[in-house]
């Protein structure tokens, strides 16, 4: 029996991110002082420490920076499944899962272009995952 995946609980600092994900938008934060775009959400810039920030919409595109294929059983996951760090085109890196393709190192490659997809796990929460970009 595979237990259900834990559902994130939004905080005041992350509420904008989860509201965007529910609408199918990947929202990041950008510092108004130094223009550094970052993730995960926090109330200050990790680059310069300023607390003047704005929310910006990401294009939802990036490349796989690194990944593993896990065969371990974990609540909410059926092995094999991928755990990846995606380097977004805007700069930040996100820990995520790669979906929409076979879960093996033939189908998932380093530097592979990916795009955000959203998986509903509750009435309030959509998780951000990434799938390979379709090539013509």
N, C-alpha and C. Protein backbone atom coordinates (compact mmCIF):
# COMPACT_ATOMS: atom_id res chain seq x y z
N UNK A 1 0.85 -1.18 0.00
CA UNK A 1 0.00 0.00 0.00
C UNK A 1 0.88 1.23 0.00
N UNK A 2 0.64 2.16 -0.91
CA UNK A 2 1.43 3.38 -1.02
C UNK A 2 0.65 4.52 -0.38
N UNK A 3 1.17 5.08 0.71
CA UNK A 3 0.51 6.19 1.38
C UNK A 3 0.45 7.40 0.46
N UNK A 4 -0.47 8.28 0.75
CA UNK A 4 -0.61 9.50 -0.04
C UNK A 4 0.58 10.43 0.18
N UNK A 5 0.88 11.18 -0.84
CA UNK A 5 1.95 12.17 -0.77
C UNK A 5 1.57 13.26 0.22
N UNK A 6 2.53 13.78 0.94
CA UNK A 6 2.27 14.90 1.84
C UNK A 6 1.94 16.13 1.01
N UNK A 7 0.95 16.88 1.44
CA UNK A 7 0.52 18.08 0.73
C UNK A 7 1.14 19.29 1.42
N UNK A 8 1.81 20.15 0.65
CA UNK A 8 2.41 21.35 1.24
C UNK A 8 1.36 22.24 1.90
N UNK A 9 1.79 22.95 2.94
CA UNK A 9 0.91 23.89 3.63
C UNK A 9 1.45 25.30 3.35
N UNK A 10 0.68 26.12 2.64
CA UNK A 10 1.14 27.48 2.34
C UNK A 10 1.36 28.28 3.62
N UNK A 11 2.37 29.15 3.57
CA UNK A 11 2.65 30.10 4.65
C UNK A 11 2.47 31.49 4.05
N UNK A 12 2.49 32.53 4.86
CA UNK A 12 2.39 33.88 4.29
C UNK A 12 3.48 34.15 3.24
N UNK A 13 4.67 33.60 3.43
CA UNK A 13 5.77 33.82 2.48
C UNK A 13 5.59 33.04 1.18
N UNK A 14 4.86 31.92 1.21
CA UNK A 14 4.72 31.07 0.03
C UNK A 14 3.34 31.12 -0.62
N UNK A 15 2.40 31.86 -0.01
CA UNK A 15 1.01 31.88 -0.50
C UNK A 15 0.93 32.28 -1.97
N UNK A 16 1.70 33.29 -2.39
CA UNK A 16 1.65 33.73 -3.80
C UNK A 16 2.07 32.60 -4.74
N UNK A 17 3.07 31.82 -4.33
CA UNK A 17 3.55 30.72 -5.16
C UNK A 17 2.44 29.68 -5.37
N UNK A 18 1.78 29.29 -4.29
CA UNK A 18 0.72 28.27 -4.37
C UNK A 18 -0.51 28.80 -5.10
N UNK A 19 -0.83 30.09 -4.93
CA UNK A 19 -1.95 30.68 -5.66
C UNK A 19 -1.66 30.67 -7.16
N UNK A 20 -0.44 30.99 -7.53
CA UNK A 20 -0.04 30.95 -8.95
C UNK A 20 -0.11 29.54 -9.50
N UNK A 21 0.43 28.57 -8.75
CA UNK A 21 0.44 27.18 -9.21
C UNK A 21 -0.99 26.68 -9.43
N UNK A 22 -1.91 27.11 -8.58
CA UNK A 22 -3.30 26.69 -8.73
C UNK A 22 -3.87 27.20 -10.05
N UNK A 23 -3.35 28.34 -10.54
CA UNK A 23 -3.80 28.92 -11.82
C UNK A 23 -2.94 28.44 -12.99
N UNK A 24 -1.99 27.54 -12.73
CA UNK A 24 -1.12 27.07 -13.80
C UNK A 24 0.00 28.03 -14.13
N UNK A 25 0.40 28.84 -13.14
CA UNK A 25 1.49 29.81 -13.33
C UNK A 25 2.61 29.52 -12.34
N UNK A 26 3.84 29.60 -12.83
CA UNK A 26 5.01 29.46 -11.97
C UNK A 26 5.47 30.86 -11.59
N UNK A 27 5.27 31.21 -10.32
CA UNK A 27 5.61 32.55 -9.84
C UNK A 27 6.90 32.52 -9.03
N UNK A 28 7.77 33.46 -9.33
CA UNK A 28 9.05 33.62 -8.64
C UNK A 28 9.05 34.97 -7.95
N UNK A 29 10.09 35.24 -7.20
CA UNK A 29 10.27 36.56 -6.60
C UNK A 29 11.49 37.22 -7.20
N UNK A 30 11.42 38.55 -7.28
CA UNK A 30 12.55 39.31 -7.81
C UNK A 30 12.78 40.51 -6.89
N UNK A 31 14.04 40.76 -6.58
CA UNK A 31 14.42 41.87 -5.73
C UNK A 31 14.30 43.18 -6.50
N UNK A 32 13.65 44.17 -5.90
CA UNK A 32 13.54 45.48 -6.54
C UNK A 32 14.85 46.25 -6.47
N UNK A 33 15.71 45.91 -5.51
CA UNK A 33 16.98 46.63 -5.35
C UNK A 33 18.05 46.14 -6.32
N UNK A 34 18.25 44.82 -6.41
CA UNK A 34 19.35 44.29 -7.25
C UNK A 34 18.85 43.48 -8.45
N UNK A 35 17.54 43.29 -8.57
CA UNK A 35 16.90 42.57 -9.67
C UNK A 35 17.21 41.07 -9.71
N UNK A 36 17.73 40.52 -8.61
CA UNK A 36 17.98 39.08 -8.52
C UNK A 36 16.64 38.34 -8.45
N UNK A 37 16.46 37.34 -9.32
CA UNK A 37 15.25 36.51 -9.30
C UNK A 37 15.59 35.24 -8.56
N UNK A 38 14.71 34.83 -7.64
CA UNK A 38 15.05 33.71 -6.77
C UNK A 38 13.87 32.79 -6.44
N UNK A 39 14.23 31.62 -5.97
CA UNK A 39 13.33 30.59 -5.47
C UNK A 39 14.15 29.76 -4.49
N UNK A 40 13.60 29.30 -3.38
CA UNK A 40 12.21 29.35 -2.95
C UNK A 40 11.82 30.73 -2.40
N UNK A 41 10.49 30.93 -2.25
CA UNK A 41 10.01 32.21 -1.74
C UNK A 41 10.54 32.51 -0.34
N UNK A 42 10.84 33.78 -0.12
CA UNK A 42 11.25 34.26 1.20
C UNK A 42 11.02 35.76 1.24
N UNK A 43 10.96 36.34 2.43
CA UNK A 43 10.61 37.76 2.54
C UNK A 43 11.77 38.73 2.28
N UNK A 44 12.92 38.23 1.89
CA UNK A 44 14.09 39.09 1.63
C UNK A 44 14.91 38.49 0.51
N UNK A 45 15.71 39.31 -0.14
CA UNK A 45 16.55 38.85 -1.24
C UNK A 45 17.75 38.07 -0.70
N UNK A 46 17.97 36.84 -1.20
CA UNK A 46 19.12 36.07 -0.73
C UNK A 46 20.44 36.62 -1.26
N UNK A 47 20.38 37.51 -2.24
CA UNK A 47 21.60 38.07 -2.81
C UNK A 47 22.07 39.32 -2.06
N UNK A 48 21.14 40.27 -1.82
CA UNK A 48 21.56 41.53 -1.18
C UNK A 48 20.89 41.78 0.16
N UNK A 49 19.89 41.00 0.53
CA UNK A 49 19.23 41.15 1.83
C UNK A 49 18.09 42.15 1.85
N UNK A 50 17.83 42.83 0.73
CA UNK A 50 16.75 43.82 0.69
C UNK A 50 15.39 43.14 0.88
N UNK A 51 14.46 43.89 1.47
CA UNK A 51 13.12 43.32 1.68
C UNK A 51 12.08 43.92 0.74
N UNK A 52 12.52 44.62 -0.28
CA UNK A 52 11.62 45.15 -1.31
C UNK A 52 11.64 44.16 -2.48
N UNK A 53 10.57 43.36 -2.56
CA UNK A 53 10.52 42.30 -3.56
C UNK A 53 9.23 42.40 -4.36
N UNK A 54 9.23 41.80 -5.54
CA UNK A 54 8.02 41.71 -6.34
C UNK A 54 7.88 40.28 -6.84
N UNK A 55 6.66 39.92 -7.16
CA UNK A 55 6.38 38.60 -7.72
C UNK A 55 6.39 38.72 -9.23
N UNK A 56 7.10 37.80 -9.89
CA UNK A 56 7.18 37.80 -11.35
C UNK A 56 6.77 36.43 -11.87
N UNK A 57 6.16 36.44 -13.05
CA UNK A 57 5.73 35.18 -13.67
C UNK A 57 6.88 34.61 -14.48
N UNK A 58 7.21 33.36 -14.22
CA UNK A 58 8.23 32.64 -14.96
C UNK A 58 7.64 32.13 -16.27
N UNK A 59 8.49 31.98 -17.27
CA UNK A 59 8.06 31.34 -18.51
C UNK A 59 7.84 29.85 -18.30
N UNK A 60 8.34 29.31 -17.18
CA UNK A 60 8.14 27.90 -16.89
C UNK A 60 9.02 26.98 -17.71
N UNK A 61 10.12 27.52 -18.21
CA UNK A 61 11.04 26.73 -19.04
C UNK A 61 12.41 26.70 -18.38
N UNK A 62 13.13 25.61 -18.64
CA UNK A 62 14.47 25.47 -18.09
C UNK A 62 15.15 24.24 -18.63
N UNK A 63 16.21 23.85 -17.95
CA UNK A 63 16.98 22.66 -18.33
C UNK A 63 17.28 21.86 -17.07
N UNK A 64 17.39 20.55 -17.25
CA UNK A 64 17.74 19.70 -16.11
C UNK A 64 19.19 19.95 -15.74
N UNK A 65 19.40 20.39 -14.50
CA UNK A 65 20.75 20.62 -13.99
C UNK A 65 21.35 19.30 -13.49
N UNK A 66 20.55 18.55 -12.76
CA UNK A 66 20.96 17.23 -12.28
C UNK A 66 19.71 16.43 -11.95
N UNK A 67 19.84 15.11 -11.87
CA UNK A 67 18.68 14.27 -11.54
C UNK A 67 19.15 12.90 -11.06
N UNK A 68 18.23 12.20 -10.43
CA UNK A 68 18.41 10.79 -10.10
C UNK A 68 17.10 10.08 -10.42
N UNK A 69 17.20 8.80 -10.66
CA UNK A 69 16.03 7.94 -10.79
C UNK A 69 15.99 7.11 -9.51
N UNK A 70 14.91 7.28 -8.76
CA UNK A 70 14.79 6.56 -7.49
C UNK A 70 13.92 5.32 -7.65
N UNK A 71 14.36 4.24 -7.04
CA UNK A 71 13.58 3.01 -7.00
C UNK A 71 13.09 2.71 -5.58
N UNK A 72 13.26 3.69 -4.69
CA UNK A 72 12.81 3.52 -3.31
C UNK A 72 11.33 3.83 -3.21
N UNK A 73 10.64 3.09 -2.35
CA UNK A 73 9.24 3.39 -2.08
C UNK A 73 9.18 4.62 -1.17
N UNK A 74 8.32 5.54 -1.53
CA UNK A 74 8.13 6.75 -0.75
C UNK A 74 6.67 7.14 -0.84
N UNK A 75 6.09 7.68 0.23
CA UNK A 75 4.66 8.02 0.19
C UNK A 75 4.32 8.90 -1.00
N UNK A 76 3.32 8.46 -1.79
CA UNK A 76 2.84 9.23 -2.92
C UNK A 76 3.59 9.00 -4.22
N UNK A 77 4.60 8.15 -4.21
CA UNK A 77 5.40 7.89 -5.41
C UNK A 77 5.43 6.40 -5.70
N UNK A 78 5.35 6.07 -6.98
CA UNK A 78 5.48 4.68 -7.41
C UNK A 78 6.81 4.56 -8.15
N UNK A 79 7.72 3.74 -7.64
CA UNK A 79 9.02 3.59 -8.31
C UNK A 79 8.88 2.98 -9.70
N UNK A 80 9.76 3.33 -10.61
CA UNK A 80 10.79 4.36 -10.48
C UNK A 80 10.21 5.76 -10.72
N UNK A 81 10.84 6.76 -10.10
CA UNK A 81 10.45 8.15 -10.30
C UNK A 81 11.71 9.00 -10.25
N UNK A 82 11.63 10.14 -10.91
CA UNK A 82 12.80 11.01 -10.98
C UNK A 82 12.70 12.14 -9.96
N UNK A 83 13.86 12.52 -9.46
CA UNK A 83 14.01 13.70 -8.61
C UNK A 83 15.06 14.54 -9.32
N UNK A 84 14.71 15.78 -9.62
CA UNK A 84 15.60 16.60 -10.44
C UNK A 84 15.74 18.00 -9.88
N UNK A 85 16.84 18.63 -10.25
CA UNK A 85 17.01 20.06 -10.05
C UNK A 85 16.95 20.67 -11.44
N UNK A 86 15.99 21.58 -11.63
CA UNK A 86 15.82 22.27 -12.91
C UNK A 86 16.34 23.69 -12.78
N UNK A 87 17.20 24.06 -13.70
CA UNK A 87 17.70 25.44 -13.80
C UNK A 87 16.72 26.20 -14.67
N UNK A 88 15.95 27.10 -14.07
CA UNK A 88 14.98 27.88 -14.83
C UNK A 88 15.68 28.91 -15.70
N UNK A 89 15.06 29.27 -16.82
CA UNK A 89 15.64 30.27 -17.72
C UNK A 89 15.86 31.60 -17.00
N UNK A 90 15.05 31.89 -15.97
CA UNK A 90 15.19 33.14 -15.22
C UNK A 90 16.34 33.10 -14.21
N UNK A 91 16.95 31.92 -14.00
CA UNK A 91 18.09 31.82 -13.10
C UNK A 91 17.96 30.87 -11.93
N UNK A 92 16.84 30.90 -11.18
CA UNK A 92 16.75 30.03 -10.01
C UNK A 92 16.74 28.54 -10.38
N UNK A 93 17.10 27.74 -9.41
CA UNK A 93 16.99 26.28 -9.54
C UNK A 93 15.87 25.80 -8.64
N UNK A 94 15.14 24.78 -9.11
CA UNK A 94 14.03 24.20 -8.36
C UNK A 94 14.21 22.70 -8.24
N UNK A 95 13.98 22.18 -7.05
CA UNK A 95 13.92 20.74 -6.84
C UNK A 95 12.52 20.31 -7.26
N UNK A 96 12.43 19.26 -8.09
CA UNK A 96 11.16 18.89 -8.69
C UNK A 96 11.19 17.44 -9.14
N UNK A 97 10.16 17.04 -9.84
CA UNK A 97 10.10 15.73 -10.49
C UNK A 97 9.94 15.94 -11.98
N UNK A 98 10.49 15.01 -12.75
CA UNK A 98 10.31 15.01 -14.20
C UNK A 98 9.21 14.00 -14.50
N UNK A 99 8.20 14.42 -15.24
CA UNK A 99 7.05 13.58 -15.55
C UNK A 99 6.83 13.59 -17.06
N UNK A 100 5.91 12.76 -17.51
CA UNK A 100 5.54 12.78 -18.93
C UNK A 100 6.51 12.04 -19.83
N UNK A 101 7.33 11.18 -19.24
CA UNK A 101 8.26 10.38 -20.03
C UNK A 101 8.65 9.16 -19.21
N UNK A 102 9.23 8.13 -19.85
CA UNK A 102 9.71 6.98 -19.08
C UNK A 102 10.73 7.45 -18.03
N UNK A 103 10.69 6.83 -16.88
CA UNK A 103 11.56 7.21 -15.78
C UNK A 103 12.86 6.42 -15.84
N UNK A 104 13.70 6.79 -16.82
CA UNK A 104 15.00 6.13 -16.98
C UNK A 104 16.00 7.13 -17.55
N UNK A 105 17.27 6.77 -17.49
CA UNK A 105 18.32 7.69 -17.94
C UNK A 105 18.50 7.70 -19.46
N UNK A 106 17.68 6.94 -20.17
CA UNK A 106 17.65 7.03 -21.63
C UNK A 106 16.72 8.19 -22.01
N UNK A 107 15.62 8.33 -21.28
CA UNK A 107 14.62 9.35 -21.59
C UNK A 107 14.89 10.69 -20.91
N UNK A 108 15.54 10.66 -19.76
CA UNK A 108 15.86 11.87 -19.00
C UNK A 108 17.36 12.09 -19.07
N UNK A 109 17.75 13.27 -19.50
CA UNK A 109 19.17 13.57 -19.71
C UNK A 109 19.55 14.90 -19.05
N UNK A 110 20.80 15.02 -18.69
CA UNK A 110 21.33 16.28 -18.20
C UNK A 110 21.18 17.33 -19.30
N UNK A 111 20.87 18.55 -18.91
CA UNK A 111 20.73 19.70 -19.82
C UNK A 111 19.51 19.59 -20.75
N UNK A 112 18.67 18.58 -20.56
CA UNK A 112 17.49 18.42 -21.40
C UNK A 112 16.51 19.58 -21.14
N UNK A 113 15.98 20.20 -22.21
CA UNK A 113 14.99 21.26 -22.00
C UNK A 113 13.69 20.70 -21.46
N UNK A 114 13.13 21.41 -20.48
CA UNK A 114 11.89 20.98 -19.83
C UNK A 114 10.98 22.19 -19.65
N UNK A 115 9.69 21.89 -19.42
CA UNK A 115 8.72 22.95 -19.16
C UNK A 115 7.81 22.55 -18.01
N UNK A 116 7.32 23.55 -17.30
CA UNK A 116 6.49 23.32 -16.12
C UNK A 116 5.14 22.75 -16.48
N UNK A 117 4.69 21.81 -15.66
CA UNK A 117 3.33 21.29 -15.70
C UNK A 117 2.83 21.27 -14.25
N UNK A 118 1.54 21.25 -14.08
CA UNK A 118 0.97 21.38 -12.74
C UNK A 118 0.08 20.19 -12.43
N UNK A 119 0.30 19.58 -11.28
CA UNK A 119 -0.49 18.42 -10.86
C UNK A 119 -1.30 18.78 -9.63
N UNK A 120 -2.61 18.66 -9.74
CA UNK A 120 -3.50 18.95 -8.62
C UNK A 120 -3.43 17.82 -7.61
N UNK A 121 -3.11 18.16 -6.36
CA UNK A 121 -3.07 17.15 -5.29
C UNK A 121 -4.13 17.41 -4.23
N UNK A 122 -4.81 18.56 -4.32
CA UNK A 122 -5.93 18.88 -3.43
C UNK A 122 -6.71 20.02 -4.08
N UNK A 123 -7.79 20.42 -3.45
CA UNK A 123 -8.58 21.53 -3.98
C UNK A 123 -7.79 22.84 -3.96
N UNK A 124 -6.80 22.94 -3.08
CA UNK A 124 -6.04 24.18 -2.93
C UNK A 124 -4.63 24.14 -3.54
N UNK A 125 -4.07 22.94 -3.72
CA UNK A 125 -2.65 22.83 -4.07
C UNK A 125 -2.43 22.11 -5.40
N UNK A 126 -1.69 22.78 -6.28
CA UNK A 126 -1.13 22.17 -7.48
C UNK A 126 0.38 22.14 -7.29
N UNK A 127 0.99 20.98 -7.55
CA UNK A 127 2.44 20.88 -7.49
C UNK A 127 3.03 21.23 -8.85
N UNK A 128 4.20 21.85 -8.82
CA UNK A 128 4.91 22.20 -10.04
C UNK A 128 5.89 21.07 -10.34
N UNK A 129 5.75 20.49 -11.52
CA UNK A 129 6.66 19.46 -12.00
C UNK A 129 7.11 19.88 -13.38
N UNK A 130 7.99 19.12 -13.98
CA UNK A 130 8.47 19.47 -15.31
C UNK A 130 8.41 18.26 -16.23
N UNK A 131 8.18 18.53 -17.51
CA UNK A 131 8.16 17.48 -18.52
C UNK A 131 9.12 17.89 -19.63
N UNK A 132 9.61 16.90 -20.37
CA UNK A 132 10.48 17.23 -21.52
C UNK A 132 9.74 18.12 -22.51
N UNK A 133 10.47 19.07 -23.09
CA UNK A 133 9.90 19.94 -24.13
C UNK A 133 9.75 19.11 -25.39
N UNK A 134 8.57 19.19 -25.99
CA UNK A 134 8.31 18.46 -27.24
C UNK A 134 9.16 19.08 -28.35
N UNK A 135 9.84 18.23 -29.09
CA UNK A 135 10.63 18.73 -30.21
C UNK A 135 9.94 18.33 -31.51
N UNK A 136 10.01 19.21 -32.48
CA UNK A 136 9.32 18.96 -33.75
C UNK A 136 10.12 18.07 -34.66
